[in-house]
Amino acid sequence: MSELTTIPLMKETRDALKMLGMKGESYDALLRRLIETAKCQMLYRELDDIRQKGDYIKVDDIDAL
């Protein structure tokens, strides 16, 4: 089993987390879910940056081998 830690939070932050949590969801599960959501958002932002910069090759432009 993984080692547990204590993370000090302001009560306002704790209350905000409570509002985001689902019934019966632990803080660990909630934070893991939020982390996964943030990782997806980061990927979408990166892909959008690539698209906006035009820093890619369209599949149609790739010559057949």
PDB file of N, CA and C in Angstrom:
ATOM      1  N   MET A   1       0.836  -1.179   0.000  1.00  0.00           N
ATOM      2  CA  MET A   1       0.000   0.000   0.000  1.00  0.00           C
ATOM      3  C   MET A   1       0.882   1.244   0.000  1.00  0.00           C
ATOM      4  N   SER A   2       0.437   2.277  -0.691  1.00  0.00           N
ATOM      5  CA  SER A   2       1.185   3.524  -0.770  1.00  0.00           C
ATOM      6  C   SER A   2       1.154   4.253   0.574  1.00  0.00           C
ATOM      7  N   GLU A   3       2.177   5.025   0.794  1.00  0.00           N
ATOM      8  CA  GLU A   3       2.273   5.796   2.030  1.00  0.00           C
ATOM      9  C   GLU A   3       1.342   7.015   1.946  1.00  0.00           C
ATOM     10  N   LEU A   4       0.619   7.271   3.022  1.00  0.00           N
ATOM     11  CA  LEU A   4      -0.280   8.417   3.078  1.00  0.00           C
ATOM     12  C   LEU A   4       0.466   9.637   3.586  1.00  0.00           C
ATOM     13  N   THR A   5       0.036  10.824   3.123  1.00  0.00           N
ATOM     14  CA  THR A   5       0.613  12.074   3.590  1.00  0.00           C
ATOM     15  C   THR A   5      -0.510  13.027   3.970  1.00  0.00           C
ATOM     16  N   THR A   6      -0.138  14.107   4.601  1.00  0.00           N
ATOM     17  CA  THR A   6      -1.082  15.163   4.945  1.00  0.00           C
ATOM     18  C   THR A   6      -0.704  16.402   4.147  1.00  0.00           C
ATOM     19  N   ILE A   7      -1.683  17.001   3.492  1.00  0.00           N
ATOM     20  CA  ILE A   7      -1.444  18.213   2.718  1.00  0.00           C
ATOM     21  C   ILE A   7      -2.218  19.346   3.386  1.00  0.00           C
ATOM     22  N   PRO A   8      -1.527  20.348   3.887  1.00  0.00           N
ATOM     23  CA  PRO A   8      -2.241  21.466   4.498  1.00  0.00           C
ATOM     24  C   PRO A   8      -2.964  22.295   3.440  1.00  0.00           C
ATOM     25  N   LEU A   9      -4.237  22.597   3.687  1.00  0.00           N
ATOM     26  CA  LEU A   9      -5.047  23.392   2.769  1.00  0.00           C
ATOM     27  C   LEU A   9      -5.769  24.476   3.548  1.00  0.00           C
ATOM     28  N   MET A  10      -6.022  25.563   2.879  1.00  0.00           N
ATOM     29  CA  MET A  10      -6.897  26.579   3.449  1.00  0.00           C
ATOM     30  C   MET A  10      -8.310  25.994   3.453  1.00  0.00           C
ATOM     31  N   LYS A  11      -9.130  26.377   4.415  1.00  0.00           N
ATOM     32  CA  LYS A  11     -10.499  25.852   4.488  1.00  0.00           C
ATOM     33  C   LYS A  11     -11.270  26.160   3.218  1.00  0.00           C
ATOM     34  N   GLU A  12     -11.021  27.321   2.633  1.00  0.00           N
ATOM     35  CA  GLU A  12     -11.682  27.703   1.380  1.00  0.00           C
ATOM     36  C   GLU A  12     -11.351  26.703   0.264  1.00  0.00           C
ATOM     37  N   THR A  13     -10.093  26.277   0.199  1.00  0.00           N
ATOM     38  CA  THR A  13      -9.672  25.299  -0.808  1.00  0.00           C
ATOM     39  C   THR A  13     -10.329  23.955  -0.554  1.00  0.00           C
ATOM     40  N   ARG A  14     -10.332  23.539   0.718  1.00  0.00           N
ATOM     41  CA  ARG A  14     -10.988  22.282   1.080  1.00  0.00           C
ATOM     42  C   ARG A  14     -12.461  22.303   0.692  1.00  0.00           C
ATOM     43  N   ASP A  15     -13.141  23.415   0.973  1.00  0.00           N
ATOM     44  CA  ASP A  15     -14.561  23.526   0.651  1.00  0.00           C
ATOM     45  C   ASP A  15     -14.797  23.489  -0.854  1.00  0.00           C
ATOM     46  N   ALA A  16     -13.891  24.118  -1.610  1.00  0.00           N
ATOM     47  CA  ALA A  16     -14.006  24.080  -3.073  1.00  0.00           C
ATOM     48  C   ALA A  16     -13.841  22.651  -3.582  1.00  0.00           C
ATOM     49  N   LEU A  17     -12.899  21.908  -2.992  1.00  0.00           N
ATOM     50  CA  LEU A  17     -12.718  20.506  -3.371  1.00  0.00           C
ATOM     51  C   LEU A  17     -13.964  19.690  -3.052  1.00  0.00           C
ATOM     52  N   LYS A  18     -14.554  19.938  -1.889  1.00  0.00           N
ATOM     53  CA  LYS A  18     -15.776  19.222  -1.516  1.00  0.00           C
ATOM     54  C   LYS A  18     -16.869  19.415  -2.552  1.00  0.00           C
ATOM     55  N   MET A  19     -16.970  20.654  -3.071  1.00  0.00           N
ATOM     56  CA  MET A  19     -18.007  20.948  -4.066  1.00  0.00           C
ATOM     57  C   MET A  19     -17.760  20.203  -5.381  1.00  0.00           C
ATOM     58  N   LEU A  20     -16.492  19.926  -5.685  1.00  0.00           N
ATOM     59  CA  LEU A  20     -16.146  19.233  -6.927  1.00  0.00           C
ATOM     60  C   LEU A  20     -16.257  17.716  -6.793  1.00  0.00           C
ATOM     61  N   GLY A  21     -16.219  17.232  -5.567  1.00  0.00           N
ATOM     62  CA  GLY A  21     -16.246  15.790  -5.336  1.00  0.00           C
ATOM     63  C   GLY A  21     -17.621  15.186  -5.551  1.00  0.00           C
ATOM     64  N   MET A  22     -17.614  13.905  -5.868  1.00  0.00           N
ATOM     65  CA  MET A  22     -18.857  13.161  -6.013  1.00  0.00           C
ATOM     66  C   MET A  22     -19.144  12.451  -4.699  1.00  0.00           C
ATOM     67  N   LYS A  23     -20.396  12.131  -4.465  1.00  0.00           N
ATOM     68  CA  LYS A  23     -20.789  11.483  -3.220  1.00  0.00           C
ATOM     69  C   LYS A  23     -19.961  10.215  -2.995  1.00  0.00           C
ATOM     70  N   GLY A  24     -19.356  10.126  -1.824  1.00  0.00           N
ATOM     71  CA  GLY A  24     -18.580   8.953  -1.458  1.00  0.00           C
ATOM     72  C   GLY A  24     -17.165   8.931  -2.021  1.00  0.00           C
ATOM     73  N   GLU A  25     -16.789   9.947  -2.808  1.00  0.00           N
ATOM     74  CA  GLU A  25     -15.458   9.983  -3.415  1.00  0.00           C
ATOM     75  C   GLU A  25     -14.447  10.487  -2.390  1.00  0.00           C
ATOM     76  N   SER A  26     -13.340   9.795  -2.270  1.00  0.00           N
ATOM     77  CA  SER A  26     -12.287  10.229  -1.348  1.00  0.00           C
ATOM     78  C   SER A  26     -11.550  11.424  -1.944  1.00  0.00           C
ATOM     79  N   TYR A  27     -10.860  12.166  -1.075  1.00  0.00           N
ATOM     80  CA  TYR A  27     -10.062  13.279  -1.576  1.00  0.00           C
ATOM     81  C   TYR A  27      -8.981  12.769  -2.530  1.00  0.00           C
ATOM     82  N   ASP A  28      -8.411  11.615  -2.240  1.00  0.00           N
ATOM     83  CA  ASP A  28      -7.391  11.049  -3.116  1.00  0.00           C
ATOM     84  C   ASP A  28      -7.970  10.785  -4.502  1.00  0.00           C
ATOM     85  N   ALA A  29      -9.136  10.153  -4.551  1.00  0.00           N
ATOM     86  CA  ALA A  29      -9.763   9.866  -5.847  1.00  0.00           C
ATOM     87  C   ALA A  29     -10.138  11.156  -6.569  1.00  0.00           C
ATOM     88  N   LEU A  30     -10.651  12.136  -5.824  1.00  0.00           N
ATOM     89  CA  LEU A  30     -11.014  13.418  -6.415  1.00  0.00           C
ATOM     90  C   LEU A  30      -9.795  14.100  -7.025  1.00  0.00           C
ATOM     91  N   LEU A  31      -8.715  14.163  -6.266  1.00  0.00           N
ATOM     92  CA  LEU A  31      -7.508  14.814  -6.767  1.00  0.00           C
ATOM     93  C   LEU A  31      -6.930  14.075  -7.968  1.00  0.00           C
ATOM     94  N   ARG A  32      -6.972  12.750  -7.941  1.00  0.00           N
ATOM     95  CA  ARG A  32      -6.491  11.982  -9.099  1.00  0.00           C
ATOM     96  C   ARG A  32      -7.340  12.282 -10.333  1.00  0.00           C
ATOM     97  N   ARG A  33      -8.661  12.390 -10.148  1.00  0.00           N
ATOM     98  CA  ARG A  33      -9.560  12.701 -11.260  1.00  0.00           C
ATOM     99  C   ARG A  33      -9.267  14.099 -11.796  1.00  0.00           C
ATOM    100  N   LEU A  34      -9.055  15.060 -10.901  1.00  0.00           N
ATOM    101  CA  LEU A  34      -8.741  16.419 -11.326  1.00  0.00           C
ATOM    102  C   LEU A  34      -7.397  16.489 -12.045  1.00  0.00           C
ATOM    103  N   ILE A  35      -6.439  15.712 -11.591  1.00  0.00           N
ATOM    104  CA  ILE A  35      -5.124  15.659 -12.243  1.00  0.00           C
ATOM    105  C   ILE A  35      -5.269  15.121 -13.661  1.00  0.00           C
ATOM    106  N   GLU A  36      -6.034  14.049 -13.838  1.00  0.00           N
ATOM    107  CA  GLU A  36      -6.240  13.489 -15.181  1.00  0.00           C
ATOM    108  C   GLU A  36      -6.931  14.499 -16.094  1.00  0.00           C
ATOM    109  N   THR A  37      -7.898  15.222 -15.546  1.00  0.00           N
ATOM    110  CA  THR A  37      -8.587  16.253 -16.326  1.00  0.00           C
ATOM    111  C   THR A  37      -7.603  17.340 -16.746  1.00  0.00           C
ATOM    112  N   ALA A  38      -6.757  17.763 -15.817  1.00  0.00           N
ATOM    113  CA  ALA A  38      -5.767  18.800 -16.114  1.00  0.00           C
ATOM    114  C   ALA A  38      -4.777  18.317 -17.171  1.00  0.00           C
ATOM    115  N   LYS A  39      -4.363  17.049 -17.101  1.00  0.00           N
ATOM    116  CA  LYS A  39      -3.434  16.501 -18.090  1.00  0.00           C
ATOM    117  C   LYS A  39      -4.064  16.500 -19.481  1.00  0.00           C
ATOM    118  N   CYS A  40      -5.341  16.164 -19.563  1.00  0.00           N
ATOM    119  CA  CYS A  40      -6.046  16.189 -20.854  1.00  0.00           C
ATOM    120  C   CYS A  40      -6.130  17.614 -21.387  1.00  0.00           C
ATOM    121  N   GLN A  41      -6.440  18.559 -20.513  1.00  0.00           N
ATOM    122  CA  GLN A  41      -6.518  19.962 -20.935  1.00  0.00           C
ATOM    123  C   GLN A  41      -5.163  20.453 -21.434  1.00  0.00           C
ATOM    124  N   MET A  42      -4.087  20.046 -20.771  1.00  0.00           N
ATOM    125  CA  MET A  42      -2.748  20.434 -21.209  1.00  0.00           C
ATOM    126  C   MET A  42      -2.452  19.875 -22.591  1.00  0.00           C
ATOM    127  N   LEU A  43      -2.842  18.635 -22.834  1.00  0.00           N
ATOM    128  CA  LEU A  43      -2.626  18.015 -24.141  1.00  0.00           C
ATOM    129  C   LEU A  43      -3.416  18.752 -25.218  1.00  0.00           C
ATOM    130  N   TYR A  44      -4.686  19.064 -24.940  1.00  0.00           N
ATOM    131  CA  TYR A  44      -5.506  19.791 -25.911  1.00  0.00           C
ATOM    132  C   TYR A  44      -4.924  21.168 -26.208  1.00  0.00           C
ATOM    133  N   ARG A  45      -4.417  21.852 -25.178  1.00  0.00           N
ATOM    134  CA  ARG A  45      -3.787  23.169 -25.407  1.00  0.00           C
ATOM    135  C   ARG A  45      -2.554  23.022 -26.284  1.00  0.00           C
ATOM    136  N   GLU A  46      -1.754  21.993 -26.011  1.00  0.00           N
ATOM    137  CA  GLU A  46      -0.542  21.768 -26.806  1.00  0.00           C
ATOM    138  C   GLU A  46      -0.902  21.451 -28.254  1.00  0.00           C
ATOM    139  N   LEU A  47      -1.905  20.604 -28.453  1.00  0.00           N
ATOM    140  CA  LEU A  47      -2.333  20.278 -29.813  1.00  0.00           C
ATOM    141  C   LEU A  47      -2.896  21.504 -30.521  1.00  0.00           C
ATOM    142  N   ASP A  48      -3.633  22.340 -29.793  1.00  0.00           N
ATOM    143  CA  ASP A  48      -4.170  23.561 -30.376  1.00  0.00           C
ATOM    144  C   ASP A  48      -3.041  24.517 -30.763  1.00  0.00           C
ATOM    145  N   ASP A  49      -2.013  24.624 -29.925  1.00  0.00           N
ATOM    146  CA  ASP A  49      -0.846  25.459 -30.256  1.00  0.00           C
ATOM    147  C   ASP A  49      -0.171  24.961 -31.531  1.00  0.00           C
ATOM    148  N   ILE A  50       0.003  23.658 -31.650  1.00  0.00           N
ATOM    149  CA  ILE A  50       0.611  23.072 -32.845  1.00  0.00           C
ATOM    150  C   ILE A  50      -0.236  23.393 -34.068  1.00  0.00           C
ATOM    151  N   ARG A  51      -1.559  23.252 -33.922  1.00  0.00           N
ATOM    152  CA  ARG A  51      -2.464  23.530 -35.039  1.00  0.00           C
ATOM    153  C   ARG A  51      -2.376  24.993 -35.440  1.00  0.00           C
ATOM    154  N   GLN A  52      -2.389  25.893 -34.457  1.00  0.00           N
ATOM    155  CA  GLN A  52      -2.349  27.324 -34.757  1.00  0.00           C
ATOM    156  C   GLN A  52      -1.037  27.750 -35.407  1.00  0.00           C
ATOM    157  N   LYS A  53       0.059  27.134 -34.991  1.00  0.00           N
ATOM    158  CA  LYS A  53       1.367  27.459 -35.557  1.00  0.00           C
ATOM    159  C   LYS A  53       1.558  26.807 -36.922  1.00  0.00           C
ATOM    160  N   GLY A  54       0.725  25.818 -37.253  1.00  0.00           N
ATOM    161  CA  GLY A  54       0.898  25.094 -38.505  1.00  0.00           C
ATOM    162  C   GLY A  54       2.134  24.213 -38.473  1.00  0.00           C
ATOM    163  N   ASP A  55       2.550  23.841 -37.278  1.00  0.00           N
ATOM    164  CA  ASP A  55       3.779  23.064 -37.081  1.00  0.00           C
ATOM    165  C   ASP A  55       3.489  21.565 -37.169  1.00  0.00           C
ATOM    166  N   TYR A  56       2.971  21.152 -38.316  1.00  0.00           N
ATOM    167  CA  TYR A  56       2.642  19.742 -38.519  1.00  0.00           C
ATOM    168  C   TYR A  56       2.587  19.461 -40.018  1.00  0.00           C
ATOM    169  N   ILE A  57       2.538  18.207 -40.357  1.00  0.00           N
ATOM    170  CA  ILE A  57       2.395  17.780 -41.745  1.00  0.00           C
ATOM    171  C   ILE A  57       1.065  17.074 -41.874  1.00  0.00           C
ATOM    172  N   LYS A  58       0.262  17.500 -42.840  1.00  0.00           N
ATOM    173  CA  LYS A  58      -1.022  16.860 -43.070  1.00  0.00           C
ATOM    174  C   LYS A  58      -0.793  15.467 -43.643  1.00  0.00           C
ATOM    175  N   VAL A  59      -1.627  14.550 -43.252  1.00  0.00           N
ATOM    176  CA  VAL A  59      -1.519  13.167 -43.722  1.00  0.00           C
ATOM    177  C   VAL A  59      -1.582  13.117 -45.244  1.00  0.00           C
ATOM    178  N   ASP A  60      -2.426  13.951 -45.833  1.00  0.00           N
ATOM    179  CA  ASP A  60      -2.554  13.966 -47.291  1.00  0.00           C
ATOM    180  C   ASP A  60      -1.271  14.401 -47.997  1.00  0.00           C
ATOM    181  N   ASP A  61      -0.400  15.115 -47.266  1.00  0.00           N
ATOM    182  CA  ASP A  61       0.848  15.612 -47.852  1.00  0.00           C
ATOM    183  C   ASP A  61       2.006  14.613 -47.743  1.00  0.00           C
ATOM    184  N   ILE A  62       1.792  13.527 -47.070  1.00  0.00           N
ATOM    185  CA  ILE A  62       2.844  12.517 -46.897  1.00  0.00           C
ATOM    186  C   ILE A  62       2.836  11.602 -48.122  1.00  0.00           C
ATOM    187  N   ASP A  63       3.978  11.486 -48.786  1.00  0.00           N
ATOM    188  CA  ASP A  63       4.093  10.609 -49.951  1.00  0.00           C
ATOM    189  C   ASP A  63       4.050   9.156 -49.513  1.00  0.00           C
ATOM    190  N   ALA A  64       3.406   8.336 -50.318  1.00  0.00           N
ATOM    191  CA  ALA A  64       3.339   6.907 -50.008  1.00  0.00           C
ATOM    192  C   ALA A  64       4.739   6.315 -50.121  1.00  0.00           C
ATOM    193  N   LEU A  65       5.026   5.413 -49.225  1.00  0.00           N
ATOM    194  CA  LEU A  65       6.347   4.760 -49.235  1.00  0.00           C
ATOM    195  C   LEU A  65       6.446   3.733 -50.324  1.00  0.00           C
TER     196      LEU A  65
END
